[in-house]
N, C-alpha and C. Protein backbone atom coordinates (compact mmCIF):
# COMPACT_ATOMS: atom_id res chain seq x y z
N MET A 1 -62.28 5.26 186.35
CA MET A 1 -63.06 6.48 185.94
C MET A 1 -62.51 7.67 186.91
N ILE A 2 -61.63 7.27 188.44
CA ILE A 2 -61.07 8.37 189.12
C ILE A 2 -59.98 8.96 188.53
N ALA A 3 -59.19 7.75 187.83
CA ALA A 3 -57.93 8.18 187.31
C ALA A 3 -58.46 9.00 185.64
N PHE A 4 -59.47 8.79 185.20
CA PHE A 4 -59.45 9.89 183.95
C PHE A 4 -59.59 11.30 184.54
N PHE A 5 -60.20 11.31 185.68
CA PHE A 5 -60.65 12.79 185.81
C PHE A 5 -59.38 13.16 186.62
N ILE A 6 -58.50 13.03 186.78
CA ILE A 6 -57.19 12.93 187.21
C ILE A 6 -55.88 13.47 186.29
N GLU A 7 -56.48 12.85 185.18
CA GLU A 7 -55.52 12.96 184.50
C GLU A 7 -56.05 14.21 183.40
N LEU A 8 -57.50 14.41 182.97
CA LEU A 8 -58.17 15.27 182.59
C LEU A 8 -58.10 16.85 183.12
N SER A 9 -57.44 16.59 185.02
CA SER A 9 -57.31 17.84 185.62
C SER A 9 -56.04 18.31 184.97
N VAL A 10 -54.95 17.16 185.17
CA VAL A 10 -53.39 17.42 184.98
C VAL A 10 -53.77 17.96 183.20
N LEU A 11 -54.09 17.50 182.54
CA LEU A 11 -54.12 18.30 181.17
C LEU A 11 -54.61 19.28 181.18
N ILE A 12 -55.81 19.85 181.61
CA ILE A 12 -56.27 21.24 181.85
C ILE A 12 -55.05 21.93 182.45
N ALA A 13 -54.58 21.39 183.82
CA ALA A 13 -53.84 22.28 184.12
C ALA A 13 -52.52 22.77 183.00
N ARG A 14 -51.82 22.10 182.25
CA ARG A 14 -51.11 21.69 182.04
C ARG A 14 -51.23 22.81 180.74
N VAL A 15 -52.11 22.75 179.81
CA VAL A 15 -52.69 23.43 178.66
C VAL A 15 -52.70 25.15 179.16
N GLY A 16 -53.26 25.41 180.28
CA GLY A 16 -53.66 26.73 181.04
C GLY A 16 -51.64 27.03 180.93
N ARG A 17 -51.06 26.42 181.96
CA ARG A 17 -49.57 26.77 181.42
C ARG A 17 -49.05 27.20 180.93
N ASP A 18 -49.16 26.15 179.60
CA ASP A 18 -48.44 26.71 178.42
C ASP A 18 -48.79 27.52 177.41
N ILE A 19 -50.46 27.77 177.70
CA ILE A 19 -51.05 29.14 177.05
C ILE A 19 -50.29 30.42 177.48
N ARG A 20 -49.97 30.58 179.00
CA ARG A 20 -49.65 31.22 179.69
C ARG A 20 -48.23 31.42 179.23
N ASP A 21 -47.12 31.07 179.25
CA ASP A 21 -45.76 30.34 179.23
C ASP A 21 -45.37 30.21 177.37
N ASP A 22 -45.78 29.83 176.74
CA ASP A 22 -45.69 29.60 175.06
C ASP A 22 -46.20 30.28 174.26
N ALA A 23 -45.43 31.18 174.04
CA ALA A 23 -45.93 32.42 172.45
C ALA A 23 -47.09 31.22 171.44
N GLN A 24 -45.92 30.53 171.34
CA GLN A 24 -46.48 29.59 169.94
C GLN A 24 -47.51 29.30 169.92
N PHE A 25 -47.66 28.00 171.43
CA PHE A 25 -49.09 27.60 171.75
C PHE A 25 -50.27 28.92 171.98
N ARG A 26 -50.25 29.87 172.46
CA ARG A 26 -51.02 30.63 173.02
C ARG A 26 -51.34 30.71 171.18
N SER A 27 -50.50 31.41 170.33
CA SER A 27 -50.81 31.71 169.03
C SER A 27 -51.81 30.82 168.45
N LEU A 28 -51.49 29.81 168.53
CA LEU A 28 -52.14 28.52 168.05
C LEU A 28 -53.33 28.45 168.70
N THR A 29 -53.49 28.63 170.21
CA THR A 29 -54.79 28.13 170.68
C THR A 29 -55.95 29.39 170.16
N PHE A 30 -55.17 30.69 170.13
CA PHE A 30 -56.00 31.59 169.64
C PHE A 30 -56.48 31.54 168.01
N LEU A 31 -55.71 31.52 167.26
CA LEU A 31 -56.37 31.02 166.07
C LEU A 31 -56.87 29.90 165.73
N LEU A 32 -57.00 28.63 166.90
CA LEU A 32 -58.51 27.71 166.59
C LEU A 32 -59.22 28.25 166.78
N VAL A 33 -59.84 29.17 167.71
CA VAL A 33 -60.59 29.59 168.92
C VAL A 33 -61.31 30.53 167.76
N VAL A 34 -60.46 31.06 167.11
CA VAL A 34 -61.02 32.20 165.96
C VAL A 34 -61.55 31.76 164.79
N LEU A 35 -60.89 30.25 164.26
CA LEU A 35 -61.07 29.84 163.64
C LEU A 35 -62.94 28.91 163.74
N LEU A 36 -62.73 28.47 164.94
CA LEU A 36 -64.28 27.92 165.25
C LEU A 36 -65.00 28.69 165.18
N ALA A 37 -64.67 29.83 166.03
CA ALA A 37 -65.94 30.58 165.87
C ALA A 37 -66.54 31.25 164.74
N ALA A 38 -65.53 31.38 163.80
CA ALA A 38 -65.99 31.74 162.33
C ALA A 38 -66.70 30.82 161.52
N GLY A 39 -66.25 29.73 161.27
CA GLY A 39 -67.24 28.42 160.96
C GLY A 39 -68.40 28.27 161.36
N THR A 40 -68.68 28.57 162.85
CA THR A 40 -69.78 28.29 163.86
C THR A 40 -70.44 29.32 163.23
N ILE A 41 -70.36 30.57 163.64
CA ILE A 41 -71.27 31.73 163.19
C ILE A 41 -71.49 31.66 161.46
N PHE A 42 -70.47 31.39 160.63
CA PHE A 42 -70.39 31.04 159.35
C PHE A 42 -72.16 30.05 158.59
N TYR A 43 -71.75 28.66 159.27
CA TYR A 43 -72.86 27.87 159.42
C TYR A 43 -74.21 28.03 160.18
N TRP A 44 -74.05 28.99 161.32
CA TRP A 44 -75.47 29.36 161.69
C TRP A 44 -75.81 30.08 160.59
N GLN A 45 -75.46 31.23 160.17
CA GLN A 45 -76.05 32.12 159.47
C GLN A 45 -76.69 31.53 158.00
N VAL A 46 -75.66 30.77 157.21
CA VAL A 46 -75.58 30.32 156.33
C VAL A 46 -76.80 29.42 155.93
N GLU A 47 -76.03 28.06 156.83
CA GLU A 47 -76.98 26.90 156.79
C GLU A 47 -78.29 26.91 157.38
N ASN A 48 -78.43 27.93 158.53
CA ASN A 48 -79.28 27.88 159.22
C ASN A 48 -79.65 26.63 159.93
N TRP A 49 -78.24 26.57 160.35
CA TRP A 49 -78.38 25.46 161.85
C TRP A 49 -78.07 26.44 163.17
N SER A 50 -78.81 25.17 164.05
CA SER A 50 -78.71 25.74 165.40
C SER A 50 -77.04 26.15 165.60
N PHE A 51 -76.81 26.68 166.62
CA PHE A 51 -75.50 27.65 167.03
C PHE A 51 -74.72 26.18 167.40
N VAL A 52 -75.40 25.63 168.18
CA VAL A 52 -74.72 24.05 168.60
C VAL A 52 -74.61 23.25 167.92
N ASP A 53 -74.79 22.73 166.60
CA ASP A 53 -75.18 21.93 165.55
C ASP A 53 -73.77 22.40 164.77
N SER A 54 -73.84 24.03 164.34
CA SER A 54 -72.91 24.58 163.73
C SER A 54 -71.43 24.34 164.32
N LEU A 55 -71.43 24.63 165.50
CA LEU A 55 -69.72 24.22 166.44
C LEU A 55 -69.69 22.91 166.48
N TYR A 56 -70.58 22.21 166.47
CA TYR A 56 -70.32 20.43 166.45
C TYR A 56 -70.06 20.00 165.09
N PHE A 57 -70.53 20.32 164.13
CA PHE A 57 -70.09 20.43 162.57
C PHE A 57 -68.70 20.77 162.81
N CYS A 58 -68.41 22.14 162.78
CA CYS A 58 -66.87 22.54 162.79
C CYS A 58 -65.60 21.62 163.54
N VAL A 59 -66.23 21.05 164.80
CA VAL A 59 -65.15 20.91 165.73
C VAL A 59 -65.58 19.20 164.72
N MET A 60 -66.33 18.52 164.81
CA MET A 60 -66.33 17.54 163.91
C MET A 60 -65.26 17.24 162.61
N THR A 61 -65.39 18.22 161.86
CA THR A 61 -64.56 18.85 160.71
C THR A 61 -63.10 18.96 160.80
N ILE A 62 -62.90 19.72 161.98
CA ILE A 62 -61.61 19.80 162.40
C ILE A 62 -60.83 18.43 162.71
N ALA A 63 -61.54 17.95 163.49
CA ALA A 63 -60.93 16.88 164.09
C ALA A 63 -60.68 15.39 163.35
N THR A 64 -61.50 15.96 162.29
CA THR A 64 -61.26 15.01 160.88
C THR A 64 -62.36 13.39 160.96
N ILE A 65 -63.43 13.91 161.92
CA ILE A 65 -64.62 12.79 162.67
C ILE A 65 -64.99 12.61 161.63
N GLY A 66 -66.16 13.51 161.15
CA GLY A 66 -66.70 13.65 159.93
C GLY A 66 -68.18 12.69 159.92
N TYR A 67 -68.80 12.28 161.14
CA TYR A 67 -70.08 11.65 160.87
C TYR A 67 -70.44 11.88 159.83
N GLY A 68 -70.99 13.02 159.46
CA GLY A 68 -71.98 12.93 158.12
C GLY A 68 -72.91 13.26 158.26
N ASP A 69 -73.26 13.46 159.64
CA ASP A 69 -75.05 13.61 160.07
C ASP A 69 -75.25 15.21 159.54
N PHE A 70 -74.51 16.20 159.46
CA PHE A 70 -74.75 17.19 158.84
C PHE A 70 -73.74 17.90 157.34
N VAL A 71 -74.84 18.06 156.43
CA VAL A 71 -74.15 18.22 155.69
C VAL A 71 -74.12 19.99 154.75
N PRO A 72 -73.29 20.28 154.51
CA PRO A 72 -73.45 21.68 153.56
C PRO A 72 -74.24 21.67 152.60
N THR A 73 -75.64 21.71 152.14
CA THR A 73 -76.14 22.02 151.14
C THR A 73 -75.80 23.32 150.32
N LYS A 74 -75.78 24.44 150.61
CA LYS A 74 -75.28 25.32 149.64
C LYS A 74 -73.84 25.12 148.87
N ASP A 75 -73.65 25.82 147.30
CA ASP A 75 -72.65 25.68 147.29
C ASP A 75 -71.31 26.67 147.93
N ILE A 76 -72.17 28.11 148.15
CA ILE A 76 -71.00 28.57 149.03
C ILE A 76 -70.45 27.97 150.39
N SER A 77 -71.63 27.11 150.98
CA SER A 77 -70.92 26.61 152.03
C SER A 77 -70.46 25.45 152.11
N LYS A 78 -69.87 24.43 150.49
CA LYS A 78 -69.33 23.40 150.35
C LYS A 78 -68.02 23.70 150.22
N ILE A 79 -67.84 25.52 149.15
CA ILE A 79 -66.97 25.65 149.17
C ILE A 79 -66.05 26.45 150.51
N PHE A 80 -66.69 26.96 150.92
CA PHE A 80 -66.22 27.27 152.52
C PHE A 80 -65.67 26.27 153.07
N THR A 81 -66.68 25.06 153.24
CA THR A 81 -65.78 23.25 153.83
C THR A 81 -64.61 23.57 153.35
N ILE A 82 -64.61 23.37 152.08
CA ILE A 82 -63.27 23.13 151.28
C ILE A 82 -61.88 23.72 152.07
N GLY A 83 -62.20 24.92 151.87
CA GLY A 83 -60.66 25.88 152.66
C GLY A 83 -61.03 25.65 154.04
N TYR A 84 -62.21 25.43 154.92
CA TYR A 84 -62.06 25.41 156.35
C TYR A 84 -61.70 24.23 157.00
N ALA A 85 -61.50 23.23 156.47
CA ALA A 85 -61.30 21.94 156.41
C ALA A 85 -59.77 21.39 156.34
N ILE A 86 -58.97 22.27 155.08
CA ILE A 86 -57.59 22.18 155.05
C ILE A 86 -57.05 23.19 155.87
N LEU A 87 -57.56 24.31 156.02
CA LEU A 87 -56.74 25.13 156.84
C LEU A 87 -57.22 24.48 158.58
N GLY A 88 -58.37 24.22 158.66
CA GLY A 88 -58.84 23.67 160.45
C GLY A 88 -57.79 22.22 160.65
N ILE A 89 -57.63 21.68 159.68
CA ILE A 89 -57.51 19.97 159.90
C ILE A 89 -55.41 20.19 160.00
N ALA A 90 -55.04 21.49 159.23
CA ALA A 90 -53.30 21.87 159.66
C ALA A 90 -53.60 22.74 160.93
N LEU A 91 -54.17 23.17 161.38
CA LEU A 91 -54.20 23.97 162.51
C LEU A 91 -54.32 23.49 163.81
N PHE A 92 -55.65 22.34 163.38
CA PHE A 92 -55.35 21.26 164.75
C PHE A 92 -54.29 20.88 165.02
N ALA A 93 -53.90 20.03 163.85
CA ALA A 93 -52.75 19.00 164.16
C ALA A 93 -51.51 19.57 164.97
N SER A 94 -51.58 21.06 164.25
CA SER A 94 -50.24 22.26 164.49
C SER A 94 -50.26 22.33 166.04
N PHE A 95 -51.67 22.35 166.67
CA PHE A 95 -52.21 22.41 168.24
C PHE A 95 -51.79 21.47 169.02
N VAL A 96 -52.16 20.21 168.34
CA VAL A 96 -51.63 19.34 169.14
C VAL A 96 -50.36 18.43 169.19
N ALA A 97 -49.45 18.86 168.10
CA ALA A 97 -48.45 18.54 168.08
C ALA A 97 -47.59 19.77 168.99
N ARG A 98 -48.02 20.40 169.13
CA ARG A 98 -47.10 21.44 169.76
C ARG A 98 -47.66 21.19 171.65
N MET A 99 -48.80 20.81 171.61
CA MET A 99 -49.17 20.22 172.89
C MET A 99 -48.14 19.35 173.04
N LEU A 100 -47.98 17.98 172.80
CA LEU A 100 -47.14 17.09 172.84
C LEU A 100 -46.16 17.59 173.38
N LEU A 101 -45.36 18.14 172.42
CA LEU A 101 -44.13 18.68 172.50
C LEU A 101 -43.68 19.39 173.90
N LEU A 102 -44.88 20.02 174.66
CA LEU A 102 -44.61 20.75 175.38
C LEU A 102 -44.81 19.69 176.43
N THR A 103 -45.87 19.02 176.60
CA THR A 103 -45.89 17.79 177.12
C THR A 103 -44.82 16.89 177.35
N MET A 104 -43.84 16.50 176.62
CA MET A 104 -42.79 15.92 176.37
C MET A 104 -41.60 16.70 177.19
N GLN A 105 -41.32 18.03 176.81
CA GLN A 105 -40.35 18.94 177.53
C GLN A 105 -40.35 18.82 178.70
N GLY A 106 -41.86 18.58 179.69
CA GLY A 106 -42.48 19.16 181.03
C GLY A 106 -41.82 17.66 181.41
N ARG A 107 -42.09 16.48 180.79
CA ARG A 107 -41.68 15.76 181.45
C ARG A 107 -40.17 14.97 181.94
N ALA A 108 -39.68 15.43 180.79
CA ALA A 108 -38.19 15.35 180.32
C ALA A 108 -37.47 16.61 181.69
N ARG A 109 -38.01 17.51 182.01
CA ARG A 109 -37.63 18.62 182.92
C ARG A 109 -37.63 17.66 184.29
N ARG A 110 -38.40 17.47 184.33
CA ARG A 110 -39.13 17.00 185.61
C ARG A 110 -38.61 15.56 186.36
N ARG A 111 -37.77 14.68 185.30
CA ARG A 111 -36.71 13.32 185.30
C ARG A 111 -35.84 14.09 185.82
N ASP A 112 -34.92 15.19 184.65
CA ASP A 112 -33.86 15.77 185.33
C ASP A 112 -33.29 16.10 186.28
């Protein structure tokens, strides 16, 4: 369990450093936060879910987990979800890919 927290702290430190040093990673992070905020506010207002439930649904959708415990019920929400999922999944995949690339580059630099 201690190893998990050590790795988590290293990951958080690395993400913080990468946000500061890499413009593309900073842009992806900003866009991901904006997308999560916009989706959360949309579902909070349109579907009348709680703020936490709306954020939870947005994260589960973007991460492609989709438990199905929350489902949009209004037509406008269903249409929004289609666009949100397509954009969110692509953005999240780009974010993760960039984070992995920066991690591998950092490890290669430390080895050299």
